[in-house]
């Protein structure tokens, strides 16, 4: 659903920081709340899958699904960066603590 077809309330909430406030996102072309929550959890535990799902969401024509896809993609990237930094720092931390 294009942004011009959305109500003002939905349009104002169709950004990544407020997309969770939309009551029935599937009515506006987004993923349902349950599916969206599942995708975010999947992005946390399996970031490569979250990247794929985020790209699929961003490639959608729906404004709501694009915002949801951005959240999933950002969660994946943040956790990938944390994993890389943790992996790089683990040897230094273990030497510091004499493990």
C-alpha atoms as a PDB file:
ATOM      1  CA  UNK A   1       0.000   0.000   0.000  1.00  0.00           C
ATOM      2  CA  UNK A   2       1.432   3.350  -1.001  1.00  0.00           C
ATOM      3  CA  UNK A   3       2.022   6.083   1.556  1.00  0.00           C
ATOM      4  CA  UNK A   4      -0.643   8.326   0.000  1.00  0.00           C
ATOM      5  CA  UNK A   5      -3.327   5.672   0.643  1.00  0.00           C
ATOM      6  CA  UNK A   6      -2.558   5.390   4.370  1.00  0.00           C
ATOM      7  CA  UNK A   7      -4.365   7.287   7.105  1.00  0.00           C
ATOM      8  CA  UNK A   8      -2.459  10.061   8.865  1.00  0.00           C
ATOM      9  CA  UNK A   9      -2.077   7.959  12.015  1.00  0.00           C
ATOM     10  CA  UNK A  10      -0.592   5.000  10.135  1.00  0.00           C
ATOM     11  CA  UNK A  11       1.578   7.243   7.958  1.00  0.00           C
ATOM     12  CA  UNK A  12       3.072   8.950  11.024  1.00  0.00           C
ATOM     13  CA  UNK A  13       3.834   5.550  12.593  1.00  0.00           C
ATOM     14  CA  UNK A  14       5.252   3.973   9.423  1.00  0.00           C
ATOM     15  CA  UNK A  15       8.843   4.707  10.413  1.00  0.00           C
ATOM     16  CA  UNK A  16      11.225   2.180  11.978  1.00  0.00           C
ATOM     17  CA  UNK A  17      11.140   3.696  15.456  1.00  0.00           C
ATOM     18  CA  UNK A  18       7.308   3.623  15.671  1.00  0.00           C
ATOM     19  CA  UNK A  19       6.198   0.840  13.347  1.00  0.00           C
ATOM     20  CA  UNK A  20       5.314  -1.345  16.363  1.00  0.00           C
ATOM     21  CA  UNK A  21       2.503   1.101  17.251  1.00  0.00           C
ATOM     22  CA  UNK A  22       0.409   0.269  14.175  1.00  0.00           C
ATOM     23  CA  UNK A  23      -2.590  -1.756  15.386  1.00  0.00           C
ATOM     24  CA  UNK A  24      -3.057  -4.098  12.407  1.00  0.00           C
ATOM     25  CA  UNK A  25      -0.035  -3.745  10.116  1.00  0.00           C
ATOM     26  CA  UNK A  26      -1.207  -6.558   7.829  1.00  0.00           C
ATOM     27  CA  UNK A  27      -4.219  -4.407   6.876  1.00  0.00           C
ATOM     28  CA  UNK A  28      -1.771  -1.862   5.442  1.00  0.00           C
ATOM     29  CA  UNK A  29       0.471  -4.297   3.595  1.00  0.00           C
ATOM     30  CA  UNK A  30       2.886  -5.073   6.424  1.00  0.00           C
ATOM     31  CA  UNK A  31       3.691  -8.288   8.223  1.00  0.00           C
ATOM     32  CA  UNK A  32       1.353  -9.251  11.056  1.00  0.00           C
ATOM     33  CA  UNK A  33       2.565  -8.434  14.576  1.00  0.00           C
ATOM     34  CA  UNK A  34       3.307 -12.098  15.271  1.00  0.00           C
ATOM     35  CA  UNK A  35       5.267 -12.611  12.067  1.00  0.00           C
ATOM     36  CA  UNK A  36       7.120  -9.335  12.566  1.00  0.00           C
ATOM     37  CA  UNK A  37       8.070 -10.372  16.124  1.00  0.00           C
ATOM     38  CA  UNK A  38       9.220 -13.751  14.820  1.00  0.00           C
ATOM     39  CA  UNK A  39      11.404 -12.052  12.192  1.00  0.00           C
ATOM     40  CA  UNK A  40      13.000  -9.769  14.795  1.00  0.00           C
ATOM     41  CA  UNK A  41      13.719 -12.740  17.064  1.00  0.00           C
ATOM     42  CA  UNK A  42      15.115 -14.645  14.087  1.00  0.00           C
ATOM     43  CA  UNK A  43      17.309 -11.648  13.248  1.00  0.00           C
ATOM     44  CA  UNK A  44      18.644 -11.684  16.804  1.00  0.00           C
ATOM     45  CA  UNK A  45      19.496 -15.388  16.888  1.00  0.00           C
ATOM     46  CA  UNK A  46      20.357 -15.860  13.194  1.00  0.00           C
ATOM     47  CA  UNK A  47      21.503 -12.506  11.737  1.00  0.00           C
ATOM     48  CA  UNK A  48      22.110 -13.746   8.150  1.00  0.00           C
ATOM     49  CA  UNK A  49      18.455 -14.812   7.945  1.00  0.00           C
ATOM     50  CA  UNK A  50      17.475 -11.405   9.334  1.00  0.00           C
ATOM     51  CA  UNK A  51      19.436  -9.687   6.574  1.00  0.00           C
ATOM     52  CA  UNK A  52      17.560 -11.676   3.933  1.00  0.00           C
ATOM     53  CA  UNK A  53      14.179 -10.974   5.553  1.00  0.00           C
ATOM     54  CA  UNK A  54      15.043  -7.298   5.974  1.00  0.00           C
ATOM     55  CA  UNK A  55      15.972  -6.952   2.318  1.00  0.00           C
ATOM     56  CA  UNK A  56      12.740  -8.681   1.310  1.00  0.00           C
ATOM     57  CA  UNK A  57      10.789  -6.238   3.493  1.00  0.00           C
ATOM     58  CA  UNK A  58      12.608  -3.187   2.158  1.00  0.00           C
ATOM     59  CA  UNK A  59      12.053  -4.324  -1.452  1.00  0.00           C
ATOM     60  CA  UNK A  60       8.283  -4.403  -0.856  1.00  0.00           C
ATOM     61  CA  UNK A  61       5.906  -1.764  -2.211  1.00  0.00           C
ATOM     62  CA  UNK A  62       4.274  -1.363   1.210  1.00  0.00           C
ATOM     63  CA  UNK A  63       5.450   1.570   3.318  1.00  0.00           C
ATOM     64  CA  UNK A  64       4.690  -0.324   6.524  1.00  0.00           C
ATOM     65  CA  UNK A  65       6.596  -3.435   5.417  1.00  0.00           C
ATOM     66  CA  UNK A  66       9.558  -1.266   4.398  1.00  0.00           C
ATOM     67  CA  UNK A  67       9.707   0.175   7.910  1.00  0.00           C
ATOM     68  CA  UNK A  68       9.415  -3.302   9.417  1.00  0.00           C
ATOM     69  CA  UNK A  69      12.141  -4.572   7.095  1.00  0.00           C
ATOM     70  CA  UNK A  70      14.458  -1.760   8.177  1.00  0.00           C
ATOM     71  CA  UNK A  71      14.050  -2.752  11.831  1.00  0.00           C
ATOM     72  CA  UNK A  72      14.842  -6.400  11.059  1.00  0.00           C
ATOM     73  CA  UNK A  73      17.846  -5.383   8.952  1.00  0.00           C
ATOM     74  CA  UNK A  74      19.235  -3.021  11.594  1.00  0.00           C
ATOM     75  CA  UNK A  75      18.864  -5.697  14.308  1.00  0.00           C
ATOM     76  CA  UNK A  76      20.824  -8.117  12.139  1.00  0.00           C
ATOM     77  CA  UNK A  77      23.605  -5.656  11.372  1.00  0.00           C
ATOM     78  CA  UNK A  78      23.963  -4.605  15.012  1.00  0.00           C
ATOM     79  CA  UNK A  79      24.277  -8.213  16.148  1.00  0.00           C
ATOM     80  CA  UNK A  80      26.750  -9.038  13.386  1.00  0.00           C
ATOM     81  CA  UNK A  81      28.915  -6.106  14.476  1.00  0.00           C
ATOM     82  CA  UNK A  82      28.662  -7.173  18.130  1.00  0.00           C
ATOM     83  CA  UNK A  83      29.663 -10.707  17.140  1.00  0.00           C
ATOM     84  CA  UNK A  84      32.647  -9.513  15.121  1.00  0.00           C
ATOM     85  CA  UNK A  85      33.840  -7.132  17.839  1.00  0.00           C
ATOM     86  CA  UNK A  86      33.357  -9.824  20.493  1.00  0.00           C
ATOM     87  CA  UNK A  87      35.285 -12.316  18.397  1.00  0.00           C
ATOM     88  CA  UNK A  88      38.131  -9.881  17.874  1.00  0.00           C
ATOM     89  CA  UNK A  89      38.293  -8.870  21.526  1.00  0.00           C
ATOM     90  CA  UNK A  90      37.925 -12.371  23.023  1.00  0.00           C
ATOM     91  CA  UNK A  91      41.666 -13.248  22.817  1.00  0.00           C
ATOM     92  CA  UNK A  92      42.661  -9.964  24.459  1.00  0.00           C
ATOM     93  CA  UNK A  93      40.078 -10.352  27.219  1.00  0.00           C
ATOM     94  CA  UNK A  94      41.135 -13.940  27.929  1.00  0.00           C
ATOM     95  CA  UNK A  95      44.800 -12.846  28.167  1.00  0.00           C
ATOM     96  CA  UNK A  96      43.842  -9.995  30.471  1.00  0.00           C
ATOM     97  CA  UNK A  97      41.915 -12.277  32.809  1.00  0.00           C
ATOM     98  CA  UNK A  98      44.416 -15.182  32.494  1.00  0.00           C
ATOM     99  CA  UNK A  99      41.961 -17.740  31.128  1.00  0.00           C
END
